[in-house]
Amino acid sequence: MTKKKVKSSSYLFPRPVVLIGANVNGNPNFEPLAYISSIEDKPPLILIASWETHFTNIGINENGTFSVNTPSEEIIEGTDYCGIVSGKEVDKSEVFEVFYGDLKTAPMISKAPLNLECKVIKTLVNKDFTGAEKGHELFIGEVVNAYAEDEYLTEGAPDITKINTFTYSMKQYWKVGERVAKAWEIGKKYMKD
């Protein structure tokens, strides 16, 4: 087997698609993102990277809060639309029905199967450590509350097979696949006696 060198990039598969919600000047605004990662479970921490000129960043910086909304295929058109237009030019507050949790300034999408309400605990600017003239703002948020309807849960936890979400790669949206194996079990077959 011969490995071929390919263009360097942050190739990670699958790359989840989420809608980041923030109030900007008192109105809900949503931005689809694939630059997101969970970074800790206790406390639950999420990192998002949003280009510093994005409208949503204004609200995150203003309020110190944001939401992470996991879309289903049912709302894929609205999700994509929010990435095509800028909140600087188009009012996105009517795209989705929203609700608010305890933080009061992190709008969440009612039709999204899973919503995470986050408070910002740290903001970094990647141009500070990359040397680039412009870059992403990196927001680390603590998940204060999570919301889902019963139809998306199994044994009280969000179930990926019920959420019907999608991922992003190569300028396309992709369905999430089926279960392959049970974690922390399949590897036991490799173990030697």
C-alpha atoms as a PDB file:
ATOM      1  CA  MET A   1       0.000   0.000   0.000  1.00  0.00           C
ATOM      2  CA  THR A   2       1.298   3.429  -0.940  1.00  0.00           C
ATOM      3  CA  LYS A   3       0.019   6.480   0.870  1.00  0.00           C
ATOM      4  CA  LYS A   4      -0.436   9.583  -1.273  1.00  0.00           C
ATOM      5  CA  LYS A   5       0.179  13.000   0.232  1.00  0.00           C
ATOM      6  CA  VAL A   6      -2.966  15.148   0.066  1.00  0.00           C
ATOM      7  CA  LYS A   7      -3.593  18.822   0.777  1.00  0.00           C
ATOM      8  CA  SER A   8      -3.269  19.524   4.514  1.00  0.00           C
ATOM      9  CA  SER A   9      -6.543  20.349   6.219  1.00  0.00           C
ATOM     10  CA  SER A  10      -8.389  19.607   9.443  1.00  0.00           C
ATOM     11  CA  TYR A  11      -9.913  16.409   8.086  1.00  0.00           C
ATOM     12  CA  LEU A  12     -12.179  14.924  10.720  1.00  0.00           C
ATOM     13  CA  PHE A  13     -15.042  12.655   9.769  1.00  0.00           C
ATOM     14  CA  PRO A  14     -17.875  12.954  10.446  1.00  0.00           C
ATOM     15  CA  ARG A  15     -18.089  16.689  11.027  1.00  0.00           C
ATOM     16  CA  PRO A  16     -21.369  17.472  12.812  1.00  0.00           C
ATOM     17  CA  VAL A  17     -23.651  20.245  11.638  1.00  0.00           C
ATOM     18  CA  VAL A  18     -25.167  22.400  14.358  1.00  0.00           C
ATOM     19  CA  LEU A  19     -26.923  25.741  14.488  1.00  0.00           C
ATOM     20  CA  ILE A  20     -25.388  28.187  16.936  1.00  0.00           C
ATOM     21  CA  GLY A  21     -27.952  30.543  18.392  1.00  0.00           C
ATOM     22  CA  ALA A  22     -27.291  33.944  19.932  1.00  0.00           C
ATOM     23  CA  ASN A  23     -29.332  37.049  20.603  1.00  0.00           C
ATOM     24  CA  VAL A  24     -27.951  39.987  18.640  1.00  0.00           C
ATOM     25  CA  ASN A  25     -29.454  43.331  19.602  1.00  0.00           C
ATOM     26  CA  GLY A  26     -32.276  41.436  21.322  1.00  0.00           C
ATOM     27  CA  ASN A  27     -33.185  39.251  18.294  1.00  0.00           C
ATOM     28  CA  PRO A  28     -32.419  35.553  17.772  1.00  0.00           C
ATOM     29  CA  ASN A  29     -29.827  34.797  15.118  1.00  0.00           C
ATOM     30  CA  PHE A  30     -28.590  31.402  13.956  1.00  0.00           C
ATOM     31  CA  GLU A  31     -25.383  30.295  12.253  1.00  0.00           C
ATOM     32  CA  PRO A  32     -24.722  26.767  10.996  1.00  0.00           C
ATOM     33  CA  LEU A  33     -21.313  25.487  12.071  1.00  0.00           C
ATOM     34  CA  ALA A  34     -19.276  22.363  11.550  1.00  0.00           C
ATOM     35  CA  TYR A  35     -16.367  23.639  13.662  1.00  0.00           C
ATOM     36  CA  ILE A  36     -17.515  22.278  17.002  1.00  0.00           C
ATOM     37  CA  SER A  37     -16.148  19.828  19.519  1.00  0.00           C
ATOM     38  CA  SER A  38     -17.016  18.504  22.947  1.00  0.00           C
ATOM     39  CA  ILE A  39     -13.935  18.967  25.093  1.00  0.00           C
ATOM     40  CA  GLU A  40     -14.993  17.750  28.542  1.00  0.00           C
ATOM     41  CA  ASP A  41     -17.829  15.876  30.260  1.00  0.00           C
ATOM     42  CA  LYS A  42     -17.442  17.099  33.852  1.00  0.00           C
ATOM     43  CA  PRO A  43     -18.260  19.906  33.597  1.00  0.00           C
ATOM     44  CA  PRO A  44     -19.773  19.512  30.114  1.00  0.00           C
ATOM     45  CA  LEU A  45     -17.812  21.848  27.826  1.00  0.00           C
ATOM     46  CA  ILE A  46     -18.278  22.604  24.118  1.00  0.00           C
ATOM     47  CA  LEU A  47     -15.864  24.505  21.875  1.00  0.00           C
ATOM     48  CA  ILE A  48     -17.122  26.334  18.795  1.00  0.00           C
ATOM     49  CA  ALA A  49     -15.060  28.228  16.223  1.00  0.00           C
ATOM     50  CA  SER A  50     -16.841  31.036  14.400  1.00  0.00           C
ATOM     51  CA  TRP A  51     -15.155  33.431  11.983  1.00  0.00           C
ATOM     52  CA  GLU A  52     -14.634  36.696  13.877  1.00  0.00           C
ATOM     53  CA  THR A  53     -16.702  38.768  11.418  1.00  0.00           C
ATOM     54  CA  HIS A  54     -19.831  36.597  11.741  1.00  0.00           C
ATOM     55  CA  PHE A  55     -22.906  38.380  13.045  1.00  0.00           C
ATOM     56  CA  THR A  56     -23.581  35.652  15.635  1.00  0.00           C
ATOM     57  CA  ASN A  57     -20.300  36.475  17.376  1.00  0.00           C
ATOM     58  CA  ILE A  58     -21.649  39.910  18.296  1.00  0.00           C
ATOM     59  CA  GLY A  59     -24.419  38.304  20.343  1.00  0.00           C
ATOM     60  CA  ILE A  60     -22.143  35.714  21.925  1.00  0.00           C
ATOM     61  CA  ASN A  61     -19.728  38.432  23.025  1.00  0.00           C
ATOM     62  CA  GLU A  62     -22.543  40.757  24.114  1.00  0.00           C
ATOM     63  CA  ASN A  63     -24.424  38.205  26.246  1.00  0.00           C
ATOM     64  CA  GLY A  64     -21.796  35.607  27.149  1.00  0.00           C
ATOM     65  CA  THR A  65     -24.188  32.864  26.039  1.00  0.00           C
ATOM     66  CA  PHE A  66     -25.001  30.733  23.000  1.00  0.00           C
ATOM     67  CA  SER A  67     -27.028  27.673  22.107  1.00  0.00           C
ATOM     68  CA  VAL A  68     -26.031  24.575  20.170  1.00  0.00           C
ATOM     69  CA  ASN A  69     -28.979  23.168  18.217  1.00  0.00           C
ATOM     70  CA  THR A  70     -28.682  19.771  16.531  1.00  0.00           C
ATOM     71  CA  PRO A  71     -30.833  19.881  13.391  1.00  0.00           C
ATOM     72  CA  SER A  72     -32.718  16.968  11.884  1.00  0.00           C
ATOM     73  CA  GLU A  73     -33.268  16.498   8.163  1.00  0.00           C
ATOM     74  CA  GLU A  74     -36.710  18.022   8.746  1.00  0.00           C
ATOM     75  CA  ILE A  75     -35.140  21.481   9.150  1.00  0.00           C
ATOM     76  CA  ILE A  76     -32.222  21.116   6.694  1.00  0.00           C
ATOM     77  CA  GLU A  77     -33.526  23.857   4.364  1.00  0.00           C
ATOM     78  CA  GLY A  78     -33.699  26.434   7.162  1.00  0.00           C
ATOM     79  CA  THR A  79     -30.312  25.279   8.413  1.00  0.00           C
ATOM     80  CA  ASP A  80     -28.670  25.767   5.032  1.00  0.00           C
ATOM     81  CA  TYR A  81     -30.488  29.078   4.476  1.00  0.00           C
ATOM     82  CA  CYS A  82     -28.990  30.422   7.706  1.00  0.00           C
ATOM     83  CA  GLY A  83     -25.535  29.698   6.254  1.00  0.00           C
ATOM     84  CA  ILE A  84     -26.308  31.343   2.908  1.00  0.00           C
ATOM     85  CA  VAL A  85     -27.462  34.695   4.305  1.00  0.00           C
ATOM     86  CA  SER A  86     -25.850  36.938   6.899  1.00  0.00           C
ATOM     87  CA  GLY A  87     -27.694  38.263   9.915  1.00  0.00           C
ATOM     88  CA  LYS A  88     -26.088  41.614   9.084  1.00  0.00           C
ATOM     89  CA  GLU A  89     -28.396  41.854   6.058  1.00  0.00           C
ATOM     90  CA  VAL A  90     -31.291  39.460   6.782  1.00  0.00           C
ATOM     91  CA  ASP A  91     -33.363  39.037   9.941  1.00  0.00           C
ATOM     92  CA  LYS A  92     -33.152  35.303  10.717  1.00  0.00           C
ATOM     93  CA  SER A  93     -35.397  35.534  13.791  1.00  0.00           C
ATOM     94  CA  GLU A  94     -38.414  34.220  11.843  1.00  0.00           C
ATOM     95  CA  VAL A  95     -36.683  31.176  10.287  1.00  0.00           C
ATOM     96  CA  PHE A  96     -37.347  28.985  13.326  1.00  0.00           C
ATOM     97  CA  GLU A  97     -39.711  29.023  16.277  1.00  0.00           C
ATOM     98  CA  VAL A  98     -37.521  29.633  19.331  1.00  0.00           C
ATOM     99  CA  PHE A  99     -37.627  29.155  23.067  1.00  0.00           C
ATOM    100  CA  TYR A 100     -35.357  30.270  25.903  1.00  0.00           C
ATOM    101  CA  GLY A 101     -34.057  28.460  28.957  1.00  0.00           C
ATOM    102  CA  ASP A 102     -32.572  29.629  32.234  1.00  0.00           C
ATOM    103  CA  LEU A 103     -29.914  31.875  30.673  1.00  0.00           C
ATOM    104  CA  LYS A 104     -32.592  33.977  28.873  1.00  0.00           C
ATOM    105  CA  THR A 105     -30.240  35.102  26.050  1.00  0.00           C
ATOM    106  CA  ALA A 106     -29.423  31.869  24.200  1.00  0.00           C
ATOM    107  CA  PRO A 107     -32.231  31.262  21.671  1.00  0.00           C
ATOM    108  CA  MET A 108     -32.957  27.606  20.981  1.00  0.00           C
ATOM    109  CA  ILE A 109     -34.814  26.083  18.039  1.00  0.00           C
ATOM    110  CA  SER A 110     -38.054  24.325  19.002  1.00  0.00           C
ATOM    111  CA  LYS A 111     -37.922  21.879  16.066  1.00  0.00           C
ATOM    112  CA  ALA A 112     -34.280  20.916  16.634  1.00  0.00           C
ATOM    113  CA  PRO A 113     -34.202  17.474  18.281  1.00  0.00           C
ATOM    114  CA  LEU A 114     -31.470  18.474  20.751  1.00  0.00           C
ATOM    115  CA  ASN A 115     -30.638  21.873  22.251  1.00  0.00           C
ATOM    116  CA  LEU A 116     -27.713  22.780  24.481  1.00  0.00           C
ATOM    117  CA  GLU A 117     -27.831  26.030  26.436  1.00  0.00           C
ATOM    118  CA  CYS A 118     -24.293  27.304  27.052  1.00  0.00           C
ATOM    119  CA  LYS A 119     -22.577  30.071  28.981  1.00  0.00           C
ATOM    120  CA  VAL A 120     -19.207  31.254  27.716  1.00  0.00           C
ATOM    121  CA  ILE A 121     -16.367  30.503  30.112  1.00  0.00           C
ATOM    122  CA  LYS A 122     -13.456  31.377  27.802  1.00  0.00           C
ATOM    123  CA  THR A 123     -12.924  33.153  24.481  1.00  0.00           C
ATOM    124  CA  LEU A 124      -9.789  32.771  22.387  1.00  0.00           C
ATOM    125  CA  VAL A 125      -8.913  34.371  19.072  1.00  0.00           C
ATOM    126  CA  ASN A 126      -6.975  32.005  16.839  1.00  0.00           C
ATOM    127  CA  LYS A 127      -5.116  34.830  15.100  1.00  0.00           C
ATOM    128  CA  ASP A 128      -3.400  35.372  18.459  1.00  0.00           C
ATOM    129  CA  PHE A 129      -1.712  31.991  18.209  1.00  0.00           C
ATOM    130  CA  THR A 130      -1.603  31.461  14.433  1.00  0.00           C
ATOM    131  CA  GLY A 131      -0.279  34.911  13.557  1.00  0.00           C
ATOM    132  CA  ALA A 132      -2.963  35.365  10.886  1.00  0.00           C
ATOM    133  CA  GLU A 133      -4.396  38.835  10.311  1.00  0.00           C
ATOM    134  CA  LYS A 134      -7.954  37.544  10.785  1.00  0.00           C
ATOM    135  CA  GLY A 135      -9.342  34.332  12.160  1.00  0.00           C
ATOM    136  CA  HIS A 136     -11.907  32.480  14.190  1.00  0.00           C
ATOM    137  CA  GLU A 137     -13.084  33.345  17.650  1.00  0.00           C
ATOM    138  CA  LEU A 138     -13.056  30.195  19.739  1.00  0.00           C
ATOM    139  CA  PHE A 139     -15.770  30.087  22.365  1.00  0.00           C
ATOM    140  CA  ILE A 140     -15.664  27.518  25.140  1.00  0.00           C
ATOM    141  CA  GLY A 141     -19.113  27.148  26.606  1.00  0.00           C
ATOM    142  CA  GLU A 142     -20.308  25.218  29.609  1.00  0.00           C
ATOM    143  CA  VAL A 143     -23.520  23.328  28.879  1.00  0.00           C
ATOM    144  CA  VAL A 144     -25.870  24.653  31.543  1.00  0.00           C
ATOM    145  CA  ASN A 145     -28.950  22.768  30.296  1.00  0.00           C
ATOM    146  CA  ALA A 146     -29.805  20.260  27.590  1.00  0.00           C
ATOM    147  CA  TYR A 147     -33.294  19.856  26.091  1.00  0.00           C
ATOM    148  CA  ALA A 148     -34.924  17.127  24.001  1.00  0.00           C
ATOM    149  CA  GLU A 149     -38.404  15.710  23.537  1.00  0.00           C
ATOM    150  CA  ASP A 150     -39.171  12.112  24.558  1.00  0.00           C
ATOM    151  CA  GLU A 151     -39.328  10.937  20.943  1.00  0.00           C
ATOM    152  CA  TYR A 152     -35.562  11.597  20.610  1.00  0.00           C
ATOM    153  CA  LEU A 153     -34.538   9.817  23.820  1.00  0.00           C
ATOM    154  CA  THR A 154     -33.656   6.265  24.774  1.00  0.00           C
ATOM    155  CA  GLU A 155     -33.394   5.568  28.494  1.00  0.00           C
ATOM    156  CA  GLY A 156     -33.443   9.316  29.152  1.00  0.00           C
ATOM    157  CA  ALA A 157     -30.502  10.174  26.863  1.00  0.00           C
ATOM    158  CA  PRO A 158     -30.430  11.608  23.304  1.00  0.00           C
ATOM    159  CA  ASP A 159     -30.411   8.781  20.757  1.00  0.00           C
ATOM    160  CA  ILE A 160     -28.533   9.431  17.493  1.00  0.00           C
ATOM    161  CA  THR A 161     -30.742   6.922  15.660  1.00  0.00           C
ATOM    162  CA  LYS A 162     -33.839   8.946  16.534  1.00  0.00           C
ATOM    163  CA  ILE A 163     -32.464  12.456  15.970  1.00  0.00           C
ATOM    164  CA  ASN A 164     -32.010  11.972  12.196  1.00  0.00           C
ATOM    165  CA  THR A 165     -29.212  14.521  12.012  1.00  0.00           C
ATOM    166  CA  PHE A 166     -26.637  14.968   9.266  1.00  0.00           C
ATOM    167  CA  THR A 167     -22.974  15.827   8.836  1.00  0.00           C
ATOM    168  CA  TYR A 168     -20.958  18.084   6.546  1.00  0.00           C
ATOM    169  CA  SER A 169     -18.074  17.161   4.251  1.00  0.00           C
ATOM    170  CA  MET A 170     -16.843  18.230   0.840  1.00  0.00           C
ATOM    171  CA  LYS A 171     -19.536  20.930   0.518  1.00  0.00           C
ATOM    172  CA  GLN A 172     -22.261  18.288   0.968  1.00  0.00           C
ATOM    173  CA  TYR A 173     -24.559  17.120   3.754  1.00  0.00           C
ATOM    174  CA  TRP A 174     -24.417  13.415   4.594  1.00  0.00           C
ATOM    175  CA  LYS A 175     -26.696  11.089   6.538  1.00  0.00           C
ATOM    176  CA  VAL A 176     -25.414   9.619   9.772  1.00  0.00           C
ATOM    177  CA  GLY A 177     -24.768   5.892   9.359  1.00  0.00           C
ATOM    178  CA  GLU A 178     -25.924   2.940  11.354  1.00  0.00           C
ATOM    179  CA  ARG A 179     -24.317   1.385  14.432  1.00  0.00           C
ATOM    180  CA  VAL A 180     -21.172  -0.609  13.632  1.00  0.00           C
ATOM    181  CA  ALA A 181     -20.159  -2.118  16.969  1.00  0.00           C
ATOM    182  CA  LYS A 182     -20.470  -1.613  20.703  1.00  0.00           C
ATOM    183  CA  ALA A 183     -17.730   0.617  22.151  1.00  0.00           C
ATOM    184  CA  TRP A 184     -15.450  -0.905  24.778  1.00  0.00           C
ATOM    185  CA  GLU A 185     -16.619  -4.362  23.654  1.00  0.00           C
ATOM    186  CA  ILE A 186     -15.492  -4.931  20.056  1.00  0.00           C
ATOM    187  CA  GLY A 187     -11.857  -4.378  21.062  1.00  0.00           C
ATOM    188  CA  LYS A 188     -12.008  -7.348  23.413  1.00  0.00           C
ATOM    189  CA  LYS A 189     -11.915  -9.597  20.349  1.00  0.00           C
ATOM    190  CA  TYR A 190      -8.418  -8.270  19.704  1.00  0.00           C
ATOM    191  CA  MET A 191      -7.202  -9.147  23.177  1.00  0.00           C
ATOM    192  CA  LYS A 192      -4.917 -12.154  23.484  1.00  0.00           C
ATOM    193  CA  ASP A 193      -5.542 -14.756  26.180  1.00  0.00           C
END
